[in-house]
Amino acid sequence: MDGNISERKKKILQIVVDEYIETATPVSSKAITQKHLTDVSSATVRSELAALEDQGYLIQFHTSGGRIPSPKAYKFYIDELMERSELSSADVEYIRRSFERRAASAESIVKSVADVISELTDYTSIALSGPAEETIGNIGLFPCGERRALLLIVTDLRILKDSFISLPEGTEEEDVEKMSRTLQNIFVGKRMDCVREAEEEAMQAFESYRQICREVLDAMLAYTSRREVVLSGGSKSLRHPEYDDVGKVRTFLSLVESEDKIGKLLSDGTAVKIGVKIGSDGEIPEDCSVVTASYSVNGRQMGTYGVLGPVRMDYAKVVSVLQSVGDVLEKIVKK
């Protein structure tokens, strides 16, 4: 923010942002003096509001009306002025129970997180699973119909069982069992994202079954690159008054209906614990914001999660939810 801004201007800006987030109506000098700064005159507050508008932090649509924050104001508010809110014990318990109830299936954890975030924030939540930093515990091929085998991989996080491998004519069950033992010898104990490093060893070990080995390797490499995009509460953000405008609704829906766009929003923020993009930042429409969090447990990235909604978002609540979800997620996964 401008270096010459006074503490009073900062306080007034914080009041305007908090009031506008709560009421969705422009904030007047009268409202500020009556509710917050009772020892300051309306004339003084009007002067400070005008100065903040000149500096690009407030917007006034009508001369006699109140003011609303600009994207520039929200960014400063988040960085400097926002008071962190604490979730209630009931909300924290809801997060814990939601994860414990669904933690039996590690494959569902991304969906669980998205659902919990949407429920607690009342906005649309988005999630992107982390890279495949998981260790192979078992791997095998199982005959499945004529000239096909099911590739089954058990990791410390999930069970992968949706790849079928073509078998050459004349392949016996004993051959498939031998291939499974070979796969186990090579891959058990290795991380999924290190599969390519064992490619040459595997191809040599499979000798006359190199085509089968190639299909197995391709399936494993596909798993390591696959990142699931999940959306929950797709219509929740549309309940807010900003989306009474049909054009804004279309813009919002075009964003949430595109997995590529959502994936780009989330993958851009994986290096930061909490990231905020407000209007026209990157791929975001000018009347939308996204708050993201990247979660790691024991150095392993579990995924990136976020909230998508109007620029007039309850940032304090959203950040608190994302941080609390991360804390509970870490405790659950470590068990």
Foldseek 3Di string as FASTA:
>chain_A
DDPPDDPVLVVLLLVQLVVCLVPVFADALVNCCVPPVVVDDSVVSVVSVVVCVVVPQWDDPDPPGHIHGALVSLVCCVVPPDDADADDPVLLVVLLVLCVVPVVALVCNQVSLQASLCVQFLFKKKWKFAFQQWFWAFWFWADDPDQKTWIWTDTPRHIDTDDIFGHDPPDDPVNRVVLRVLCCVQGHGHGLVCLVVCLVVSCVVNVVPNSRSVSVSVVSVVNRPDMDMDMPSLCRQCVDPVNPDPVVVVVSCVQVVDSVNSVVVFVVCQVDQKDKDAAPDPSDHRQKIKIKGWADAPNRTGIMMIGIHGNSGPVSSSVNSSVSSRVSVNVVVVD
